Amino acid sequence: TIWYLYRDSCLPPTTKFVGYARTKQSIAEIREKCKKYMKIRPGDERKLEQFWQANEYVAGSYDKRIDYELLNQTITKYEKGPVANRIFYLAVPPTVFEDATVNIRNACVSIKGFTRVIIEKPFGKDDESSAKLSNHLAGLFKEEQIYRIDHYLGKEMVQNLMTIRFANQIFSPSWNRENIASVLISFKEPFGTEGRGGYFDDFGIVR
């Protein structure tokens, strides 16, 4: 997705991408892993090289501040202009949200621009855990600094189909047994849990 945004010039030309995770790996190794997911059109080769040149990677733990200080140093070396904004996209297990956000707040906020945090993955597994995470984030960032993405939210739309049908009379002439033979809702994934079984025991699709 980041490649597509870069390819289509939807990002500022000075944007840098810094990956951070526990796995020790090089940009070359990441590039090889990404090949099967990235569609490269004829003529995109030069832009693709520029994209990978804009990438950096830092290996570190989620719960040690010293590793985030190293991450901060890596990001800072690219911030040459008078304004530098930082967006942290957290595609990490919910169990490390708290450690990761605390360390970002303590060691990695921008000093000459805005800082945003994107939370991806189920935002808690029930009301209690969701409220706990919201309260935790509220103690670190302002609400306008936080953006939440939850793939599971589509379930609410499916569950509300009956409400939509009966609350909107415009659907009455067509959404009935005379006009609909059957309703089929499919959820398809082209891959397995791929070593993430422990995660799916508590969150997401399987739960």
N, C-alpha and C. Protein backbone atom coordinates (compact mmCIF):
# COMPACT_ATOMS: atom_id res chain seq x y z
N THR A 1 0.83 -1.21 0.00
CA THR A 1 0.00 0.00 0.00
C THR A 1 0.86 1.26 0.00
N ILE A 2 1.91 1.26 0.80
CA ILE A 2 2.82 2.41 0.83
C ILE A 2 3.47 2.61 -0.53
N TRP A 3 3.83 1.50 -1.17
CA TRP A 3 4.43 1.59 -2.51
C TRP A 3 3.46 2.22 -3.50
N TYR A 4 2.19 1.82 -3.44
CA TYR A 4 1.21 2.38 -4.37
C TYR A 4 1.05 3.89 -4.15
N LEU A 5 1.03 4.31 -2.89
CA LEU A 5 0.92 5.74 -2.59
C LEU A 5 2.14 6.49 -3.13
N TYR A 6 3.30 5.90 -2.95
CA TYR A 6 4.53 6.52 -3.44
C TYR A 6 4.55 6.54 -4.97
N ARG A 7 4.20 5.41 -5.55
CA ARG A 7 4.20 5.29 -7.02
C ARG A 7 3.30 6.33 -7.68
N ASP A 8 2.14 6.58 -7.07
CA ASP A 8 1.15 7.49 -7.64
C ASP A 8 1.33 8.93 -7.18
N SER A 9 2.49 9.22 -6.54
CA SER A 9 2.83 10.57 -6.08
C SER A 9 1.78 11.16 -5.15
N CYS A 10 1.26 10.31 -4.27
CA CYS A 10 0.28 10.77 -3.27
C CYS A 10 0.93 11.18 -1.96
N LEU A 11 2.26 11.08 -1.89
CA LEU A 11 3.00 11.45 -0.68
C LEU A 11 4.00 12.55 -1.02
N PRO A 12 4.34 13.38 -0.05
CA PRO A 12 5.38 14.39 -0.29
C PRO A 12 6.67 13.71 -0.75
N PRO A 13 7.38 14.31 -1.70
CA PRO A 13 8.59 13.68 -2.25
C PRO A 13 9.69 13.45 -1.22
N THR A 14 9.64 14.17 -0.10
CA THR A 14 10.68 14.03 0.93
C THR A 14 10.32 12.98 1.99
N THR A 15 9.21 12.28 1.78
CA THR A 15 8.77 11.28 2.76
C THR A 15 9.79 10.14 2.88
N LYS A 16 10.09 9.76 4.12
CA LYS A 16 10.96 8.62 4.40
C LYS A 16 10.15 7.57 5.16
N PHE A 17 10.48 6.31 4.90
CA PHE A 17 9.77 5.20 5.53
C PHE A 17 10.76 4.44 6.42
N VAL A 18 10.47 4.41 7.71
CA VAL A 18 11.35 3.74 8.65
C VAL A 18 10.60 2.59 9.31
N GLY A 19 11.01 1.37 9.01
CA GLY A 19 10.39 0.20 9.62
C GLY A 19 11.01 -0.10 10.97
N TYR A 20 10.20 -0.64 11.87
CA TYR A 20 10.72 -0.99 13.20
C TYR A 20 10.02 -2.26 13.67
N ALA A 21 10.80 -3.26 14.03
CA ALA A 21 10.25 -4.51 14.56
C ALA A 21 11.36 -5.29 15.26
N ARG A 22 11.00 -6.42 15.83
CA ARG A 22 11.98 -7.20 16.56
C ARG A 22 12.91 -7.99 15.65
N THR A 23 12.43 -8.34 14.47
CA THR A 23 13.22 -9.17 13.55
C THR A 23 14.44 -8.42 13.04
N LYS A 24 15.59 -9.06 13.12
CA LYS A 24 16.81 -8.48 12.56
C LYS A 24 16.85 -8.81 11.07
N GLN A 25 16.74 -7.80 10.24
CA GLN A 25 16.72 -8.01 8.80
C GLN A 25 17.18 -6.74 8.09
N SER A 26 17.56 -6.91 6.85
CA SER A 26 18.04 -5.78 6.05
C SER A 26 16.94 -5.32 5.09
N ILE A 27 17.13 -4.15 4.51
CA ILE A 27 16.18 -3.66 3.51
C ILE A 27 16.13 -4.62 2.32
N ALA A 28 17.27 -5.19 1.96
CA ALA A 28 17.31 -6.15 0.85
C ALA A 28 16.43 -7.36 1.15
N GLU A 29 16.46 -7.83 2.40
CA GLU A 29 15.63 -8.98 2.79
C GLU A 29 14.15 -8.61 2.80
N ILE A 30 13.86 -7.42 3.28
CA ILE A 30 12.47 -6.95 3.28
C ILE A 30 11.97 -6.81 1.85
N ARG A 31 12.82 -6.28 0.98
CA ARG A 31 12.45 -6.10 -0.43
C ARG A 31 12.11 -7.43 -1.07
N GLU A 32 12.89 -8.45 -0.76
CA GLU A 32 12.65 -9.78 -1.33
C GLU A 32 11.31 -10.34 -0.85
N LYS A 33 11.02 -10.14 0.45
CA LYS A 33 9.76 -10.63 1.01
C LYS A 33 8.55 -9.92 0.40
N CYS A 34 8.75 -8.66 0.01
CA CYS A 34 7.63 -7.85 -0.49
C CYS A 34 7.31 -8.08 -1.97
N LYS A 35 8.22 -8.72 -2.68
CA LYS A 35 8.07 -8.87 -4.13
C LYS A 35 6.71 -9.41 -4.54
N LYS A 36 6.25 -10.45 -3.87
CA LYS A 36 5.02 -11.11 -4.29
C LYS A 36 3.77 -10.26 -4.02
N TYR A 37 3.91 -9.21 -3.20
CA TYR A 37 2.76 -8.37 -2.88
C TYR A 37 2.71 -7.07 -3.69
N MET A 38 3.81 -6.70 -4.30
CA MET A 38 3.90 -5.40 -4.98
C MET A 38 3.75 -5.57 -6.48
N LYS A 39 2.74 -4.94 -7.04
CA LYS A 39 2.54 -4.97 -8.49
C LYS A 39 3.40 -3.89 -9.13
N ILE A 40 4.31 -4.30 -9.98
CA ILE A 40 5.20 -3.36 -10.65
C ILE A 40 4.79 -3.27 -12.13
N ARG A 41 4.30 -2.12 -12.53
CA ARG A 41 3.89 -1.92 -13.91
C ARG A 41 5.11 -1.61 -14.78
N PRO A 42 5.04 -1.90 -16.06
CA PRO A 42 6.13 -1.53 -16.97
C PRO A 42 6.40 -0.03 -16.89
N GLY A 43 7.64 0.36 -16.71
CA GLY A 43 7.99 1.77 -16.59
C GLY A 43 8.10 2.26 -15.16
N ASP A 44 7.73 1.40 -14.19
CA ASP A 44 7.80 1.78 -12.77
C ASP A 44 9.14 1.44 -12.13
N GLU A 45 10.04 0.83 -12.88
CA GLU A 45 11.27 0.31 -12.30
C GLU A 45 12.11 1.41 -11.63
N ARG A 46 12.24 2.55 -12.27
CA ARG A 46 13.04 3.63 -11.70
C ARG A 46 12.40 4.17 -10.42
N LYS A 47 11.08 4.31 -10.45
CA LYS A 47 10.38 4.79 -9.26
C LYS A 47 10.50 3.78 -8.12
N LEU A 48 10.51 2.51 -8.46
CA LEU A 48 10.65 1.47 -7.44
C LEU A 48 12.00 1.57 -6.75
N GLU A 49 13.05 1.81 -7.51
CA GLU A 49 14.38 1.97 -6.93
C GLU A 49 14.42 3.18 -5.99
N GLN A 50 13.78 4.27 -6.40
CA GLN A 50 13.71 5.47 -5.56
C GLN A 50 12.95 5.18 -4.27
N PHE A 51 11.90 4.38 -4.39
CA PHE A 51 11.11 4.01 -3.22
C PHE A 51 11.95 3.26 -2.20
N TRP A 52 12.72 2.26 -2.66
CA TRP A 52 13.52 1.48 -1.72
C TRP A 52 14.66 2.29 -1.14
N GLN A 53 15.15 3.27 -1.88
CA GLN A 53 16.18 4.15 -1.35
C GLN A 53 15.63 5.03 -0.23
N ALA A 54 14.32 5.23 -0.23
CA ALA A 54 13.68 6.05 0.81
C ALA A 54 13.32 5.24 2.04
N ASN A 55 13.68 3.95 2.03
CA ASN A 55 13.35 3.06 3.15
C ASN A 55 14.54 2.84 4.06
N GLU A 56 14.23 2.72 5.34
CA GLU A 56 15.23 2.42 6.37
C GLU A 56 14.58 1.42 7.33
N TYR A 57 15.39 0.65 8.03
CA TYR A 57 14.84 -0.31 8.98
C TYR A 57 15.69 -0.36 10.25
N VAL A 58 15.00 -0.42 11.38
CA VAL A 58 15.66 -0.51 12.68
C VAL A 58 15.06 -1.70 13.43
N ALA A 59 15.92 -2.56 13.94
CA ALA A 59 15.45 -3.70 14.75
C ALA A 59 15.54 -3.34 16.22
N GLY A 60 14.48 -3.66 16.96
CA GLY A 60 14.49 -3.36 18.38
C GLY A 60 13.30 -3.99 19.08
N SER A 61 13.31 -3.97 20.38
CA SER A 61 12.21 -4.55 21.17
C SER A 61 11.08 -3.54 21.27
N TYR A 62 9.94 -4.01 21.73
CA TYR A 62 8.79 -3.13 21.89
C TYR A 62 8.75 -2.47 23.27
N ASP A 63 9.52 -3.00 24.22
CA ASP A 63 9.37 -2.53 25.59
C ASP A 63 10.63 -1.87 26.18
N LYS A 64 11.66 -1.63 25.36
CA LYS A 64 12.88 -1.01 25.88
C LYS A 64 13.06 0.39 25.29
N ARG A 65 13.09 1.37 26.17
CA ARG A 65 13.20 2.75 25.70
C ARG A 65 14.47 2.99 24.90
N ILE A 66 15.56 2.35 25.28
CA ILE A 66 16.83 2.60 24.60
C ILE A 66 16.74 2.26 23.11
N ASP A 67 15.93 1.24 22.76
CA ASP A 67 15.76 0.88 21.36
C ASP A 67 14.99 1.97 20.61
N TYR A 68 14.03 2.58 21.28
CA TYR A 68 13.26 3.66 20.66
C TYR A 68 14.11 4.93 20.52
N GLU A 69 15.05 5.10 21.42
CA GLU A 69 15.97 6.23 21.28
C GLU A 69 16.85 6.06 20.05
N LEU A 70 17.22 4.81 19.76
CA LEU A 70 17.95 4.52 18.53
C LEU A 70 17.06 4.78 17.31
N LEU A 71 15.80 4.39 17.42
CA LEU A 71 14.85 4.66 16.34
C LEU A 71 14.72 6.16 16.11
N ASN A 72 14.64 6.91 17.20
CA ASN A 72 14.54 8.37 17.10
C ASN A 72 15.76 8.97 16.41
N GLN A 73 16.94 8.47 16.74
CA GLN A 73 18.16 8.95 16.09
C GLN A 73 18.13 8.67 14.59
N THR A 74 17.63 7.50 14.22
CA THR A 74 17.54 7.14 12.80
C THR A 74 16.58 8.06 12.06
N ILE A 75 15.43 8.34 12.67
CA ILE A 75 14.46 9.22 12.03
C ILE A 75 15.02 10.64 11.92
N THR A 76 15.65 11.11 12.99
CA THR A 76 16.15 12.48 13.05
C THR A 76 17.15 12.79 11.94
N LYS A 77 17.96 11.80 11.56
CA LYS A 77 18.99 12.06 10.55
C LYS A 77 18.39 12.39 9.18
N TYR A 78 17.10 12.08 8.98
CA TYR A 78 16.44 12.40 7.72
C TYR A 78 15.68 13.73 7.78
N GLU A 79 15.57 14.30 8.97
CA GLU A 79 14.74 15.50 9.14
C GLU A 79 15.60 16.76 8.99
N LYS A 80 15.90 17.12 7.76
CA LYS A 80 16.80 18.23 7.48
C LYS A 80 16.08 19.58 7.41
N GLY A 81 14.81 19.57 7.08
CA GLY A 81 14.07 20.82 6.88
C GLY A 81 13.59 21.43 8.18
N PRO A 82 12.97 22.61 8.10
CA PRO A 82 12.47 23.30 9.30
C PRO A 82 11.25 22.63 9.92
N VAL A 83 10.51 21.84 9.11
CA VAL A 83 9.32 21.14 9.60
C VAL A 83 9.47 19.65 9.28
N ALA A 84 9.18 18.82 10.26
CA ALA A 84 9.26 17.37 10.05
C ALA A 84 8.15 16.70 10.86
N ASN A 85 7.19 16.11 10.16
CA ASN A 85 6.09 15.42 10.81
C ASN A 85 6.37 13.92 10.88
N ARG A 86 5.84 13.30 11.91
CA ARG A 86 6.03 11.85 12.08
C ARG A 86 4.69 11.15 12.24
N ILE A 87 4.51 10.08 11.48
CA ILE A 87 3.31 9.25 11.60
C ILE A 87 3.75 7.84 11.95
N PHE A 88 3.29 7.33 13.07
CA PHE A 88 3.63 5.98 13.51
C PHE A 88 2.44 5.06 13.24
N TYR A 89 2.66 4.05 12.41
CA TYR A 89 1.62 3.09 12.05
C TYR A 89 1.89 1.80 12.82
N LEU A 90 1.04 1.52 13.80
CA LEU A 90 1.27 0.37 14.70
C LEU A 90 0.53 -0.88 14.22
N ALA A 91 1.19 -1.66 13.36
CA ALA A 91 0.65 -2.95 12.95
C ALA A 91 1.30 -4.02 13.82
N VAL A 92 1.00 -3.97 15.10
CA VAL A 92 1.62 -4.85 16.09
C VAL A 92 0.54 -5.55 16.90
N PRO A 93 0.88 -6.66 17.58
CA PRO A 93 -0.11 -7.35 18.42
C PRO A 93 -0.65 -6.41 19.50
N PRO A 94 -1.94 -6.50 19.81
CA PRO A 94 -2.53 -5.64 20.84
C PRO A 94 -1.82 -5.75 22.19
N THR A 95 -1.16 -6.87 22.45
CA THR A 95 -0.48 -7.06 23.73
C THR A 95 0.70 -6.11 23.91
N VAL A 96 1.20 -5.51 22.82
CA VAL A 96 2.34 -4.61 22.95
C VAL A 96 1.97 -3.15 22.65
N PHE A 97 0.67 -2.88 22.46
CA PHE A 97 0.23 -1.50 22.21
C PHE A 97 0.73 -0.54 23.29
N GLU A 98 0.53 -0.95 24.53
CA GLU A 98 0.83 -0.05 25.64
C GLU A 98 2.33 0.26 25.71
N ASP A 99 3.16 -0.76 25.64
CA ASP A 99 4.61 -0.54 25.68
C ASP A 99 5.07 0.32 24.51
N ALA A 100 4.57 -0.01 23.32
CA ALA A 100 5.01 0.71 22.12
C ALA A 100 4.61 2.18 22.18
N THR A 101 3.38 2.47 22.58
CA THR A 101 2.93 3.86 22.61
C THR A 101 3.62 4.67 23.71
N VAL A 102 3.88 4.05 24.85
CA VAL A 102 4.61 4.75 25.91
C VAL A 102 6.00 5.13 25.43
N ASN A 103 6.68 4.22 24.77
CA ASN A 103 8.03 4.49 24.31
C ASN A 103 8.05 5.49 23.15
N ILE A 104 7.06 5.45 22.30
CA ILE A 104 6.97 6.46 21.23
C ILE A 104 6.79 7.83 21.86
N ARG A 105 5.90 7.91 22.85
CA ARG A 105 5.64 9.20 23.50
C ARG A 105 6.88 9.71 24.22
N ASN A 106 7.64 8.83 24.85
CA ASN A 106 8.78 9.25 25.64
C ASN A 106 10.05 9.51 24.83
N ALA A 107 10.16 8.87 23.67
CA ALA A 107 11.44 8.95 22.95
C ALA A 107 11.35 9.36 21.48
N CYS A 108 10.15 9.35 20.89
CA CYS A 108 10.10 9.49 19.43
C CYS A 108 9.17 10.57 18.89
N VAL A 109 8.63 11.43 19.74
CA VAL A 109 7.73 12.46 19.21
C VAL A 109 8.53 13.50 18.42
N SER A 110 7.90 14.09 17.43
CA SER A 110 8.55 15.10 16.61
C SER A 110 8.72 16.39 17.40
N ILE A 111 9.87 17.03 17.25
CA ILE A 111 10.10 18.30 17.94
C ILE A 111 9.93 19.50 17.01
N LYS A 112 9.68 19.22 15.72
CA LYS A 112 9.45 20.33 14.79
C LYS A 112 8.35 19.99 13.78
N GLY A 113 7.29 19.40 14.31
CA GLY A 113 6.14 19.06 13.48
C GLY A 113 5.14 18.27 14.30
N PHE A 114 4.12 17.72 13.64
CA PHE A 114 3.12 16.95 14.40
C PHE A 114 3.53 15.48 14.50
N THR A 115 2.93 14.82 15.49
CA THR A 115 3.11 13.38 15.67
C THR A 115 1.73 12.74 15.64
N ARG A 116 1.57 11.72 14.83
CA ARG A 116 0.30 10.99 14.75
C ARG A 116 0.57 9.51 15.00
N VAL A 117 -0.41 8.84 15.61
CA VAL A 117 -0.30 7.41 15.88
C VAL A 117 -1.52 6.71 15.28
N ILE A 118 -1.26 5.76 14.38
CA ILE A 118 -2.33 4.97 13.77
C ILE A 118 -2.34 3.60 14.42
N ILE A 119 -3.47 3.24 14.99
CA ILE A 119 -3.61 1.94 15.66
C ILE A 119 -4.35 1.01 14.72
N GLU A 120 -3.68 -0.05 14.28
CA GLU A 120 -4.30 -1.01 13.38
C GLU A 120 -4.37 -2.35 14.08
N LYS A 121 -5.44 -3.06 13.85
CA LYS A 121 -5.77 -4.35 14.44
C LYS A 121 -6.98 -4.14 15.36
N PRO A 122 -7.60 -5.22 15.82
CA PRO A 122 -8.75 -5.06 16.72
C PRO A 122 -8.40 -4.17 17.91
N PHE A 123 -9.24 -3.19 18.15
CA PHE A 123 -9.00 -2.22 19.21
C PHE A 123 -9.58 -2.76 20.51
N GLY A 124 -8.86 -3.74 21.08
CA GLY A 124 -9.39 -4.45 22.24
C GLY A 124 -10.22 -5.64 21.78
N LYS A 125 -10.55 -6.51 22.72
CA LYS A 125 -11.36 -7.69 22.37
C LYS A 125 -12.75 -7.63 22.99
N ASP A 126 -13.01 -6.64 23.84
CA ASP A 126 -14.34 -6.42 24.40
C ASP A 126 -14.39 -4.97 24.90
N ASP A 127 -15.54 -4.58 25.46
CA ASP A 127 -15.71 -3.19 25.91
C ASP A 127 -14.65 -2.79 26.94
N GLU A 128 -14.37 -3.71 27.86
CA GLU A 128 -13.44 -3.39 28.94
C GLU A 128 -12.02 -3.16 28.41
N SER A 129 -11.54 -4.05 27.56
CA SER A 129 -10.18 -3.91 27.04
C SER A 129 -10.08 -2.73 26.08
N SER A 130 -11.16 -2.45 25.35
CA SER A 130 -11.16 -1.30 24.45
C SER A 130 -11.10 0.01 25.25
N ALA A 131 -11.89 0.08 26.32
CA ALA A 131 -11.88 1.28 27.17
C ALA A 131 -10.53 1.47 27.84
N LYS A 132 -9.91 0.37 28.26
CA LYS A 132 -8.59 0.44 28.88
C LYS A 132 -7.56 1.01 27.91
N LEU A 133 -7.60 0.54 26.66
CA LEU A 133 -6.66 1.03 25.66
C LEU A 133 -6.92 2.50 25.34
N SER A 134 -8.19 2.88 25.24
CA SER A 134 -8.52 4.29 24.98
C SER A 134 -8.03 5.19 26.10
N ASN A 135 -8.22 4.76 27.34
CA ASN A 135 -7.76 5.56 28.48
C ASN A 135 -6.23 5.66 28.50
N HIS A 136 -5.57 4.56 28.15
CA HIS A 136 -4.11 4.56 28.09
C HIS A 136 -3.62 5.57 27.05
N LEU A 137 -4.19 5.53 25.86
CA LEU A 137 -3.77 6.44 24.79
C LEU A 137 -4.09 7.89 25.13
N ALA A 138 -5.21 8.10 25.82
CA ALA A 138 -5.60 9.46 26.19
C ALA A 138 -4.58 10.10 27.15
N GLY A 139 -3.87 9.27 27.90
CA GLY A 139 -2.86 9.78 28.81
C GLY A 139 -1.55 10.12 28.11
N LEU A 140 -1.43 9.71 26.84
CA LEU A 140 -0.19 9.93 26.10
C LEU A 140 -0.34 10.93 24.96
N PHE A 141 -1.49 10.88 24.28
CA PHE A 141 -1.70 11.70 23.09
C PHE A 141 -3.05 12.39 23.14
N LYS A 142 -3.17 13.49 22.42
CA LYS A 142 -4.46 14.14 22.25
C LYS A 142 -5.28 13.31 21.26
N GLU A 143 -6.58 13.42 21.37
CA GLU A 143 -7.44 12.61 20.51
C GLU A 143 -7.18 12.86 19.02
N GLU A 144 -6.88 14.11 18.67
CA GLU A 144 -6.63 14.42 17.25
C GLU A 144 -5.32 13.82 16.75
N GLN A 145 -4.52 13.28 17.64
CA GLN A 145 -3.26 12.63 17.24
C GLN A 145 -3.45 11.14 16.98
N ILE A 146 -4.63 10.61 17.30
CA ILE A 146 -4.86 9.17 17.24
C ILE A 146 -5.82 8.83 16.10
N TYR A 147 -5.47 7.81 15.32
CA TYR A 147 -6.36 7.32 14.27
C TYR A 147 -6.47 5.81 14.42
N ARG A 148 -7.70 5.32 14.48
CA ARG A 148 -7.93 3.89 14.71
C ARG A 148 -8.45 3.19 13.47
N ILE A 149 -7.87 2.03 13.18
CA ILE A 149 -8.35 1.20 12.07
C ILE A 149 -8.65 -0.18 12.63
N ASP A 150 -9.88 -0.65 12.45
CA ASP A 150 -10.25 -1.97 12.93
C ASP A 150 -10.95 -2.72 11.81
N HIS A 151 -10.28 -3.75 11.27
CA HIS A 151 -10.84 -4.50 10.16
C HIS A 151 -12.17 -5.17 10.54
N TYR A 152 -12.36 -5.41 11.80
CA TYR A 152 -13.53 -6.16 12.27
C TYR A 152 -14.79 -5.32 12.28
N LEU A 153 -14.67 -4.02 12.09
CA LEU A 153 -15.84 -3.14 12.17
C LEU A 153 -16.87 -3.45 11.10
N GLY A 154 -16.45 -4.12 10.02
CA GLY A 154 -17.40 -4.49 8.97
C GLY A 154 -18.51 -5.39 9.49
N LYS A 155 -18.23 -6.10 10.58
CA LYS A 155 -19.23 -7.00 11.16
C LYS A 155 -20.48 -6.24 11.59
N GLU A 156 -20.29 -5.02 12.09
CA GLU A 156 -21.43 -4.23 12.55
C GLU A 156 -22.40 -3.94 11.41
N MET A 157 -21.86 -3.68 10.23
CA MET A 157 -22.70 -3.42 9.07
C MET A 157 -23.55 -4.63 8.74
N VAL A 158 -22.92 -5.81 8.76
CA VAL A 158 -23.65 -7.03 8.45
C VAL A 158 -24.75 -7.27 9.48
N GLN A 159 -24.44 -7.06 10.75
CA GLN A 159 -25.42 -7.29 11.81
C GLN A 159 -26.58 -6.30 11.73
N ASN A 160 -26.36 -5.15 11.12
CA ASN A 160 -27.39 -4.13 11.07
C ASN A 160 -28.21 -4.14 9.79
N LEU A 161 -28.04 -5.17 8.97
CA LEU A 161 -28.79 -5.22 7.71
C LEU A 161 -30.30 -5.21 7.96
N MET A 162 -30.75 -5.94 8.97
CA MET A 162 -32.19 -5.97 9.26
C MET A 162 -32.69 -4.61 9.70
N THR A 163 -31.90 -3.93 10.52
CA THR A 163 -32.28 -2.59 10.97
C THR A 163 -32.37 -1.63 9.79
N ILE A 164 -31.39 -1.70 8.92
CA ILE A 164 -31.39 -0.84 7.73
C ILE A 164 -32.63 -1.12 6.88
N ARG A 165 -32.96 -2.40 6.71
CA ARG A 165 -34.10 -2.79 5.88
C ARG A 165 -35.41 -2.23 6.41
N PHE A 166 -35.66 -2.37 7.71
CA PHE A 166 -36.97 -1.98 8.24
C PHE A 166 -37.04 -0.51 8.64
N ALA A 167 -35.90 0.14 8.78
CA ALA A 167 -35.91 1.56 9.15
C ALA A 167 -35.98 2.47 7.92
N ASN A 168 -35.83 1.91 6.74
CA ASN A 168 -35.85 2.70 5.51
C ASN A 168 -36.88 2.13 4.54
N GLN A 169 -38.02 2.78 4.45
CA GLN A 169 -39.12 2.23 3.65
C GLN A 169 -38.80 2.17 2.16
N ILE A 170 -37.77 2.87 1.74
CA ILE A 170 -37.38 2.83 0.33
C ILE A 170 -37.00 1.41 -0.08
N PHE A 171 -36.57 0.58 0.90
CA PHE A 171 -36.16 -0.78 0.58
C PHE A 171 -37.33 -1.77 0.59
N SER A 172 -38.45 -1.39 1.17
CA SER A 172 -39.58 -2.31 1.34
C SER A 172 -40.05 -2.96 0.04
N PRO A 173 -40.16 -2.20 -1.06
CA PRO A 173 -40.66 -2.83 -2.30
C PRO A 173 -39.73 -3.89 -2.88
N SER A 174 -38.45 -3.78 -2.58
CA SER A 174 -37.50 -4.71 -3.21
C SER A 174 -36.84 -5.69 -2.24
N TRP A 175 -36.64 -5.27 -0.98
CA TRP A 175 -35.98 -6.16 -0.03
C TRP A 175 -37.02 -7.04 0.66
N ASN A 176 -37.58 -7.97 -0.08
CA ASN A 176 -38.56 -8.87 0.50
C ASN A 176 -38.50 -10.23 -0.19
N ARG A 177 -39.27 -11.18 0.28
CA ARG A 177 -39.17 -12.56 -0.21
C ARG A 177 -39.62 -12.71 -1.65
N GLU A 178 -40.35 -11.71 -2.16
CA GLU A 178 -40.79 -11.79 -3.55
C GLU A 178 -39.66 -11.50 -4.53
N ASN A 179 -38.66 -10.79 -4.07
CA ASN A 179 -37.61 -10.34 -4.98
C ASN A 179 -36.22 -10.89 -4.67
N ILE A 180 -36.04 -11.46 -3.47
CA ILE A 180 -34.73 -11.96 -3.08
C ILE A 180 -34.82 -13.47 -2.86
N ALA A 181 -34.01 -14.21 -3.64
CA ALA A 181 -34.05 -15.67 -3.52
C ALA A 181 -33.19 -16.15 -2.35
N SER A 182 -32.04 -15.48 -2.16
CA SER A 182 -31.16 -15.88 -1.06
C SER A 182 -30.17 -14.77 -0.78
N VAL A 183 -29.57 -14.82 0.40
CA VAL A 183 -28.54 -13.88 0.80
C VAL A 183 -27.32 -14.69 1.22
N LEU A 184 -26.18 -14.39 0.62
CA LEU A 184 -24.95 -15.09 0.94
C LEU A 184 -23.88 -14.08 1.32
N ILE A 185 -23.32 -14.25 2.51
CA ILE A 185 -22.24 -13.38 2.97
C ILE A 185 -20.98 -14.23 3.13
N SER A 186 -19.92 -13.88 2.41
CA SER A 186 -18.69 -14.66 2.45
C SER A 186 -17.54 -13.85 3.01
N PHE A 187 -16.76 -14.47 3.90
CA PHE A 187 -15.52 -13.88 4.39
C PHE A 187 -14.39 -14.79 3.92
N LYS A 188 -13.55 -14.27 3.05
CA LYS A 188 -12.49 -15.10 2.47
C LYS A 188 -11.12 -14.52 2.76
N GLU A 189 -10.21 -15.38 3.14
CA GLU A 189 -8.81 -15.01 3.31
C GLU A 189 -7.97 -16.00 2.52
N PRO A 190 -7.03 -15.53 1.72
CA PRO A 190 -6.23 -16.45 0.89
C PRO A 190 -5.04 -17.04 1.63
N PHE A 191 -5.00 -16.88 2.97
CA PHE A 191 -3.85 -17.40 3.71
C PHE A 191 -4.31 -17.87 5.09
N GLY A 192 -3.47 -18.66 5.74
CA GLY A 192 -3.79 -19.16 7.07
C GLY A 192 -3.31 -18.21 8.15
N THR A 193 -3.29 -18.68 9.39
CA THR A 193 -2.86 -17.82 10.48
C THR A 193 -1.36 -17.58 10.46
N GLU A 194 -0.60 -18.42 9.71
CA GLU A 194 0.83 -18.22 9.49
C GLU A 194 1.61 -17.91 10.77
N GLY A 195 1.48 -18.78 11.75
CA GLY A 195 2.25 -18.61 12.98
C GLY A 195 1.63 -17.64 13.97
N ARG A 196 0.43 -17.12 13.66
CA ARG A 196 -0.20 -16.14 14.55
C ARG A 196 -1.38 -16.73 15.30
N GLY A 197 -1.35 -18.04 15.50
CA GLY A 197 -2.47 -18.70 16.16
C GLY A 197 -2.75 -18.15 17.55
N GLY A 198 -1.68 -17.86 18.31
CA GLY A 198 -1.86 -17.30 19.65
C GLY A 198 -2.59 -15.98 19.63
N TYR A 199 -2.32 -15.18 18.60
CA TYR A 199 -3.03 -13.90 18.47
C TYR A 199 -4.51 -14.13 18.20
N PHE A 200 -4.82 -15.04 17.28
CA PHE A 200 -6.21 -15.25 16.89
C PHE A 200 -7.02 -15.96 17.98
N ASP A 201 -6.36 -16.54 18.97
CA ASP A 201 -7.11 -17.13 20.08
C ASP A 201 -7.91 -16.07 20.84
N ASP A 202 -7.39 -14.85 20.87
CA ASP A 202 -8.02 -13.80 21.67
C ASP A 202 -8.62 -12.67 20.86
N PHE A 203 -8.19 -12.51 19.60
CA PHE A 203 -8.64 -11.38 18.81
C PHE A 203 -9.08 -11.82 17.42
N GLY A 204 -9.88 -11.01 16.79
CA GLY A 204 -10.10 -11.14 15.36
C GLY A 204 -11.02 -12.25 14.90
N ILE A 205 -10.70 -12.78 13.72
CA ILE A 205 -11.61 -13.63 12.97
C ILE A 205 -12.05 -14.87 13.74
N VAL A 206 -11.09 -15.66 14.25
CA VAL A 206 -11.43 -16.92 14.89
C VAL A 206 -12.31 -16.69 16.12
N ARG A 207 -11.93 -15.70 16.94
CA ARG A 207 -12.71 -15.41 18.14
C ARG A 207 -14.13 -15.01 17.74
